[in-house]
């Protein structure tokens, strides 16, 4: 077999067979390639024509909620679809402690959507609660403080919740004290009623005698023990009396007002004949203050009250009443008009000054 040789004819036939076989393989590869590309082209056309050619009409803007609870453009993880329109609900009215004031709040639909994990939900709820808490808390509290419901007392309308009362229990006033206390307690059963002798306001230059900042030598003044009935006071009033008793027995009405300006009362009520007036001393002679002004009915000195730091502090404190940060001042006089400076304090606080001479005749309030 190794020595067999093919003739020229046989070699030609072999080459023809080899070329035909190669051509058939090339045509098969071409047809397969065309078939694959044709399938890809058909698939691409199907995808293109199946996709929408225009954006769908949106009902409203998309809302994105960040993890902190605020609304802003964010990633797809925090996207929330716009919720459908909620059915209309009537507004609810939130009334404050005044018959003429109210706050109208719209009904808020529930917030839907998902947050990225429980931490995101907690932050969103915390943000919403902080917003509602600040708006309702501060607004409601300040509004209630500024707009107390007024209650009539002996011809005046007292706007307060917590009331402190100073009754002048000097000899000329004692016949009226029981009725005055009863009139006040009709409207304010828990009022703290303090009884001290006279209604003097005594100052040594810039300081009220036995007031909060007094440290000097006091002039000689008439002193008498307090007639306050401790059992009628509130627990807070009894604690306050323990601090007030000695200063007010010595410093009278001036020390009482000066110290109560920083206490938690909405109104200070004073009942007196206002005959003792205001007295101002100077300290030129150390240890022996000399009287430079007095508008007392019993002893008048000077014409113009000297300016003092204590006057500025009182007016400043009474001006805070409209913001709920200070007390209103109410003066009830059974005889003369209260002193000019006390009238200025009444005006600054938005209180009232009422003459109740009708008590002397045993009549009712007009």
Protein backbone atom coordinates (compact mmCIF):
# COMPACT_ATOMS: atom_id res chain seq x y z
CA UNK A 1 0.00 0.00 0.00
CA UNK A 2 2.86 2.35 0.72
CA UNK A 3 4.08 2.01 -2.81
CA UNK A 4 0.74 2.84 -4.50
CA UNK A 5 0.80 6.07 -6.50
CA UNK A 6 -2.23 8.07 -7.72
CA UNK A 7 -2.47 9.11 -11.26
CA UNK A 8 -2.97 12.65 -12.53
CA UNK A 9 -6.74 12.18 -12.83
CA UNK A 10 -7.10 10.99 -9.33
CA UNK A 11 -5.25 14.10 -8.00
CA UNK A 12 -7.59 16.44 -9.87
CA UNK A 13 -10.67 14.74 -8.45
CA UNK A 14 -9.27 15.02 -4.93
CA UNK A 15 -8.67 18.80 -5.22
CA UNK A 16 -12.19 19.40 -6.56
CA UNK A 17 -13.74 17.50 -3.69
CA UNK A 18 -11.70 19.49 -1.15
CA UNK A 19 -12.75 22.88 -2.62
CA UNK A 20 -16.43 21.89 -2.73
CA UNK A 21 -16.33 20.86 0.91
CA UNK A 22 -14.74 24.16 1.94
CA UNK A 23 -17.34 26.20 0.03
CA UNK A 24 -20.21 24.33 1.68
CA UNK A 25 -18.76 25.17 5.12
CA UNK A 26 -18.46 28.88 4.27
CA UNK A 27 -22.08 29.07 3.10
CA UNK A 28 -23.24 27.34 6.29
CA UNK A 29 -21.34 29.85 8.49
CA UNK A 30 -22.75 32.79 6.50
CA UNK A 31 -26.32 31.53 6.81
CA UNK A 32 -25.89 30.96 10.55
CA UNK A 33 -24.48 34.48 11.03
CA UNK A 34 -27.32 36.03 9.05
CA UNK A 35 -29.88 34.08 11.06
CA UNK A 36 -28.41 35.27 14.40
CA UNK A 37 -28.24 38.92 13.30
CA UNK A 38 -31.76 38.72 11.95
CA UNK A 39 -33.04 37.45 15.32
CA UNK A 40 -31.25 40.27 17.15
CA UNK A 41 -32.72 42.85 14.78
CA UNK A 42 -36.24 41.50 15.27
CA UNK A 43 -35.81 41.53 19.07
CA UNK A 44 -34.53 45.13 19.02
CA UNK A 45 -37.47 46.30 16.91
CA UNK A 46 -39.91 44.55 19.23
CA UNK A 47 -38.41 46.25 22.29
CA UNK A 48 -38.43 49.70 20.66
CA UNK A 49 -41.99 49.51 19.40
CA UNK A 50 -43.29 48.00 22.66
CA UNK A 51 -41.90 50.91 24.78
CA UNK A 52 -44.21 54.01 25.25
CA UNK A 53 -43.39 56.88 22.90
CA UNK A 54 -44.58 59.62 25.30
CA UNK A 55 -44.50 60.15 29.06
CA UNK A 56 -47.75 59.36 30.85
CA UNK A 57 -49.71 62.29 32.19
CA UNK A 58 -48.85 62.92 35.84
CA UNK A 59 -51.50 63.72 38.43
CA UNK A 60 -49.14 65.77 40.53
CA UNK A 61 -45.47 66.31 41.39
CA UNK A 62 -43.48 63.43 42.72
CA UNK A 63 -42.60 63.65 46.41
CA UNK A 64 -39.28 62.52 47.79
CA UNK A 65 -38.83 62.10 51.52
CA UNK A 66 -35.36 62.10 52.95
CA UNK A 67 -34.39 60.06 55.97
CA UNK A 68 -34.52 63.14 58.17
CA UNK A 69 -38.20 63.64 57.46
CA UNK A 70 -37.94 66.70 55.16
CA UNK A 71 -39.16 66.76 51.58
CA UNK A 72 -36.50 67.15 48.86
CA UNK A 73 -35.33 65.61 45.60
CA UNK A 74 -33.64 62.36 46.59
CA UNK A 75 -32.71 58.89 45.45
CA UNK A 76 -35.14 56.23 44.28
CA UNK A 77 -34.83 54.47 47.61
CA UNK A 78 -36.81 57.29 49.31
CA UNK A 79 -39.33 57.96 46.52
CA UNK A 80 -42.98 58.15 47.54
CA UNK A 81 -45.77 58.29 44.97
CA UNK A 82 -48.20 61.18 45.17
CA UNK A 83 -51.15 60.06 47.27
CA UNK A 84 -54.69 60.32 45.86
CA UNK A 85 -56.88 63.25 46.79
CA UNK A 86 -58.45 62.83 50.22
CA UNK A 87 -62.14 63.34 50.80
CA UNK A 88 -63.00 66.78 52.13
CA UNK A 89 -63.45 66.93 55.88
CA UNK A 90 -64.72 69.94 57.85
CA UNK A 91 -62.20 71.86 59.93
CA UNK A 92 -62.07 71.30 63.65
CA UNK A 93 -61.94 74.28 66.00
CA UNK A 94 -59.56 74.36 68.95
CA UNK A 95 -60.78 76.77 71.61
CA UNK A 96 -58.43 78.53 74.01
CA UNK A 97 -59.28 79.92 77.41
CA UNK A 98 -61.10 82.93 76.00
CA UNK A 99 -64.66 83.01 74.76
CA UNK A 100 -63.71 85.31 71.85
CA UNK A 101 -60.54 83.55 70.69
CA UNK A 102 -60.18 80.28 68.83
CA UNK A 103 -57.72 78.57 66.53
CA UNK A 104 -58.90 76.77 63.40
CA UNK A 105 -56.76 73.87 62.23
CA UNK A 106 -57.23 71.93 58.96
CA UNK A 107 -57.65 68.16 59.09
CA UNK A 108 -54.38 66.57 58.05
CA UNK A 109 -54.49 63.39 55.93
CA UNK A 110 -52.28 60.53 57.07
CA UNK A 111 -48.80 60.43 55.55
CA UNK A 112 -48.20 57.26 53.56
CA UNK A 113 -44.99 55.87 52.14
CA UNK A 114 -42.05 53.80 53.18
CA UNK A 115 -38.79 54.95 54.64
CA UNK A 116 -35.41 53.24 54.29
CA UNK A 117 -35.43 51.10 57.42
CA UNK A 118 -36.92 51.68 60.89
CA UNK A 119 -34.50 54.50 61.68
CA UNK A 120 -35.83 56.55 58.78
CA UNK A 121 -39.42 56.08 59.94
CA UNK A 122 -38.54 57.10 63.48
CA UNK A 123 -36.82 60.27 62.27
CA UNK A 124 -39.75 61.20 60.04
CA UNK A 125 -42.26 60.75 62.87
CA UNK A 126 -40.01 62.69 65.25
CA UNK A 127 -39.81 65.58 62.78
CA UNK A 128 -43.60 65.68 62.38
CA UNK A 129 -44.19 65.52 66.15
CA UNK A 130 -41.66 68.30 66.81
CA UNK A 131 -43.36 70.57 64.28
CA UNK A 132 -46.82 69.97 65.72
CA UNK A 133 -45.57 70.17 69.30
CA UNK A 134 -43.83 73.50 68.85
CA UNK A 135 -46.69 75.07 66.93
CA UNK A 136 -49.43 73.89 69.27
CA UNK A 137 -47.43 73.99 72.50
CA UNK A 138 -45.87 77.44 72.37
CA UNK A 139 -48.72 79.06 70.48
CA UNK A 140 -51.39 77.60 72.75
CA UNK A 141 -49.51 78.31 75.96
CA UNK A 142 -48.71 81.93 75.11
CA UNK A 143 -52.23 82.54 73.86
CA UNK A 144 -53.72 81.18 77.07
CA UNK A 145 -51.32 83.28 79.15
CA UNK A 146 -52.26 86.52 77.36
CA UNK A 147 -56.02 85.95 77.15
CA UNK A 148 -57.34 84.88 80.54
CA UNK A 149 -61.09 84.78 80.93
CA UNK A 150 -62.05 87.86 82.97
CA UNK A 151 -63.99 87.47 86.22
CA UNK A 152 -65.91 90.36 87.82
CA UNK A 153 -64.78 91.39 91.31
CA UNK A 154 -66.27 94.53 92.96
CA UNK A 155 -66.71 96.41 89.69
CA UNK A 156 -63.42 95.34 88.06
CA UNK A 157 -62.76 92.50 85.62
CA UNK A 158 -59.74 90.56 86.83
CA UNK A 159 -58.00 88.53 84.11
CA UNK A 160 -55.95 85.92 85.92
CA UNK A 161 -55.78 82.35 87.14
CA UNK A 162 -53.53 82.72 90.19
CA UNK A 163 -54.25 85.74 92.38
CA UNK A 164 -52.43 87.24 95.38
CA UNK A 165 -54.28 89.80 97.52
CA UNK A 166 -52.94 92.47 99.89
CA UNK A 167 -55.46 93.68 102.45
CA UNK A 168 -54.61 96.80 104.46
CA UNK A 169 -55.65 95.71 107.96
CA UNK A 170 -55.08 99.05 109.69
CA UNK A 171 -57.78 100.21 112.10
CA UNK A 172 -59.80 102.20 109.54
CA UNK A 173 -59.94 99.27 107.11
CA UNK A 174 -60.91 96.40 109.40
CA UNK A 175 -64.72 96.82 109.06
CA UNK A 176 -64.53 95.99 105.34
CA UNK A 177 -61.94 93.22 105.20
CA UNK A 178 -64.28 90.27 105.70
CA UNK A 179 -66.61 91.34 102.90
CA UNK A 180 -63.75 92.16 100.52
CA UNK A 181 -62.15 88.75 101.11
CA UNK A 182 -65.52 87.06 100.50
CA UNK A 183 -66.07 88.99 97.24
CA UNK A 184 -62.68 87.92 95.94
CA UNK A 185 -63.07 84.28 96.96
CA UNK A 186 -66.39 84.02 95.10
CA UNK A 187 -64.45 84.18 91.85
CA UNK A 188 -61.05 82.96 93.04
CA UNK A 189 -61.51 80.39 95.84
CA UNK A 190 -57.79 79.55 95.82
CA UNK A 191 -56.57 83.16 96.00
CA UNK A 192 -53.79 83.80 98.55
CA UNK A 193 -54.96 86.65 100.81
CA UNK A 194 -52.30 88.42 102.92
CA UNK A 195 -53.11 90.95 105.67
CA UNK A 196 -50.51 93.52 106.74
CA UNK A 197 -50.75 96.83 108.55
CA UNK A 198 -51.02 99.91 106.32
CA UNK A 199 -50.12 100.31 102.65
CA UNK A 200 -46.81 102.20 102.72
CA UNK A 201 -44.26 102.18 99.91
CA UNK A 202 -40.88 103.18 101.33
CA UNK A 203 -37.68 103.50 99.31
CA UNK A 204 -34.12 104.47 100.16
CA UNK A 205 -32.83 105.96 96.91
CA UNK A 206 -32.76 103.03 94.41
CA UNK A 207 -34.06 100.28 96.69
CA UNK A 208 -37.40 99.39 98.29
CA UNK A 209 -37.06 99.05 102.04
CA UNK A 210 -37.04 95.30 102.85
CA UNK A 211 -37.48 94.52 99.16
CA UNK A 212 -35.48 91.94 97.21
CA UNK A 213 -32.31 94.03 96.86
CA UNK A 214 -32.40 96.04 100.10
CA UNK A 215 -29.21 95.79 102.18
CA UNK A 216 -28.95 99.23 103.81
CA UNK A 217 -30.13 100.82 107.01
CA UNK A 218 -33.92 101.14 107.17
CA UNK A 219 -35.56 104.31 108.47
CA UNK A 220 -37.72 104.05 111.55
CA UNK A 221 -41.21 102.92 110.56
CA UNK A 222 -44.36 101.84 112.34
CA UNK A 223 -44.49 98.05 112.62
CA UNK A 224 -47.37 95.72 113.42
CA UNK A 225 -47.74 91.92 113.24
CA UNK A 226 -49.43 90.35 110.24
CA UNK A 227 -53.10 89.37 110.55
CA UNK A 228 -52.89 86.77 107.76
CA UNK A 229 -54.88 83.59 108.41
CA UNK A 230 -52.38 80.95 107.39
CA UNK A 231 -54.97 78.15 107.09
CA UNK A 232 -56.72 80.00 104.24
CA UNK A 233 -53.61 80.06 102.07
CA UNK A 234 -52.63 77.52 99.45
CA UNK A 235 -49.56 75.34 100.17
CA UNK A 236 -47.50 77.66 97.98
CA UNK A 237 -48.98 80.68 99.78
CA UNK A 238 -48.00 79.28 103.19
CA UNK A 239 -44.42 78.78 102.05
CA UNK A 240 -44.40 82.33 100.67
CA UNK A 241 -45.75 83.78 103.92
CA UNK A 242 -42.81 82.30 105.80
CA UNK A 243 -40.50 84.42 103.62
CA UNK A 244 -42.75 87.51 103.52
CA UNK A 245 -43.86 87.89 107.11
CA UNK A 246 -40.91 89.81 108.57
CA UNK A 247 -40.09 91.98 105.48
CA UNK A 248 -43.74 92.99 104.96
CA UNK A 249 -44.37 93.67 108.64
CA UNK A 250 -41.51 96.19 108.40
CA UNK A 251 -41.73 97.31 104.74
CA UNK A 252 -45.53 97.11 104.26
CA UNK A 253 -47.01 97.25 100.72
CA UNK A 254 -43.74 98.27 99.03
CA UNK A 255 -41.91 95.14 100.20
CA UNK A 256 -44.94 92.96 99.28
CA UNK A 257 -45.15 94.19 95.67
CA UNK A 258 -41.40 94.14 95.14
CA UNK A 259 -41.12 90.52 96.28
CA UNK A 260 -44.26 89.22 94.54
CA UNK A 261 -43.22 90.60 91.15
CA UNK A 262 -41.05 87.49 90.76
CA UNK A 263 -43.60 84.99 92.09
CA UNK A 264 -45.98 82.89 89.97
CA UNK A 265 -49.09 85.07 90.22
CA UNK A 266 -51.05 86.47 87.28
CA UNK A 267 -52.61 89.32 89.27
CA UNK A 268 -51.74 91.37 92.37
CA UNK A 269 -54.81 92.86 94.08
CA UNK A 270 -54.48 95.63 96.67
CA UNK A 271 -57.31 96.86 98.91
CA UNK A 272 -56.60 100.01 100.97
CA UNK A 273 -57.53 103.63 101.55
CA UNK A 274 -54.10 104.63 100.13
CA UNK A 275 -53.52 107.30 102.75
CA UNK A 276 -49.99 106.20 103.67
CA UNK A 277 -48.53 107.04 100.26
CA UNK A 278 -44.98 106.76 98.93
CA UNK A 279 -41.93 107.87 100.91
CA UNK A 280 -38.39 108.27 99.55
CA UNK A 281 -35.26 108.66 101.70
CA UNK A 282 -31.65 109.43 100.80
CA UNK A 283 -28.45 108.13 102.40
CA UNK A 284 -26.39 111.28 102.66
CA UNK A 285 -26.10 110.70 106.36
CA UNK A 286 -24.93 107.10 106.63
CA UNK A 287 -27.06 105.09 109.00
CA UNK A 288 -29.62 107.89 109.30
CA UNK A 289 -31.58 108.23 106.00
CA UNK A 290 -33.41 111.53 105.65
CA UNK A 291 -36.88 111.92 104.13
CA UNK A 292 -36.81 113.81 100.82
CA UNK A 293 -40.28 113.00 99.45
CA UNK A 294 -43.65 111.92 100.80
CA UNK A 295 -47.15 112.11 99.32
CA UNK A 296 -48.78 110.71 102.45
CA UNK A 297 -52.05 112.29 103.55
CA UNK A 298 -50.57 112.65 107.02
CA UNK A 299 -47.20 114.19 106.11
CA UNK A 300 -46.39 115.66 102.70
CA UNK A 301 -42.78 116.45 101.69
CA UNK A 302 -41.63 117.67 98.29
CA UNK A 303 -43.60 117.91 95.06
CA UNK A 304 -41.91 115.52 92.64
CA UNK A 305 -40.97 111.95 93.40
CA UNK A 306 -37.22 111.41 92.88
CA UNK A 307 -36.29 108.98 90.16
CA UNK A 308 -35.09 105.62 91.42
CA UNK A 309 -34.02 102.31 89.96
CA UNK A 310 -36.87 100.53 91.77
CA UNK A 311 -39.45 102.48 89.72
CA UNK A 312 -37.91 101.32 86.42
CA UNK A 313 -37.86 97.70 87.61
CA UNK A 314 -41.52 97.78 88.68
CA UNK A 315 -42.72 99.29 85.41
CA UNK A 316 -40.62 96.86 83.40
CA UNK A 317 -42.08 93.89 85.29
CA UNK A 318 -45.69 95.08 84.91
CA UNK A 319 -45.24 95.66 81.17
CA UNK A 320 -44.56 91.93 80.80
CA UNK A 321 -48.14 91.10 81.80
CA UNK A 322 -49.48 91.21 78.23
CA UNK A 323 -46.98 88.48 77.26
CA UNK A 324 -47.91 86.37 80.27
CA UNK A 325 -44.54 87.00 81.94
CA UNK A 326 -45.64 89.37 84.69
CA UNK A 327 -48.65 90.13 86.92
CA UNK A 328 -51.43 92.65 86.35
CA UNK A 329 -52.05 95.17 89.11
CA UNK A 330 -55.56 95.87 90.46
CA UNK A 331 -56.14 98.61 93.04
CA UNK A 332 -59.35 98.93 95.11
CA UNK A 333 -59.57 102.13 97.11
CA UNK A 334 -62.24 102.81 99.69
CA UNK A 335 -61.29 106.47 100.10
CA UNK A 336 -58.73 108.47 98.09
CA UNK A 337 -57.22 107.84 94.68
CA UNK A 338 -54.06 105.69 94.63
CA UNK A 339 -50.76 107.52 94.15
CA UNK A 340 -49.70 108.61 90.65
CA UNK A 341 -46.86 106.12 90.36
CA UNK A 342 -49.16 103.22 91.31
CA UNK A 343 -51.58 104.38 88.61
CA UNK A 344 -48.73 104.19 86.07
CA UNK A 345 -48.06 100.62 87.18
CA UNK A 346 -51.74 99.77 86.65
CA UNK A 347 -51.67 101.20 83.12
CA UNK A 348 -48.42 99.40 82.28
CA UNK A 349 -49.84 96.04 83.37
CA UNK A 350 -53.29 96.39 81.79
CA UNK A 351 -55.00 96.12 85.18
CA UNK A 352 -57.56 98.45 86.78
CA UNK A 353 -57.97 101.02 89.55
CA UNK A 354 -61.44 101.02 91.12
CA UNK A 355 -63.01 103.22 93.79
CA UNK A 356 -65.22 101.17 96.13
CA UNK A 357 -66.62 103.88 98.40
CA UNK A 358 -70.00 102.14 98.15
CA UNK A 359 -68.66 99.57 100.64
CA UNK A 360 -68.79 102.21 103.37
CA UNK A 361 -72.54 102.52 102.88
CA UNK A 362 -73.04 98.77 102.83
CA UNK A 363 -74.26 98.80 99.23
CA UNK A 364 -73.57 96.30 96.47
CA UNK A 365 -71.15 96.83 93.60
CA UNK A 366 -72.65 99.12 90.93
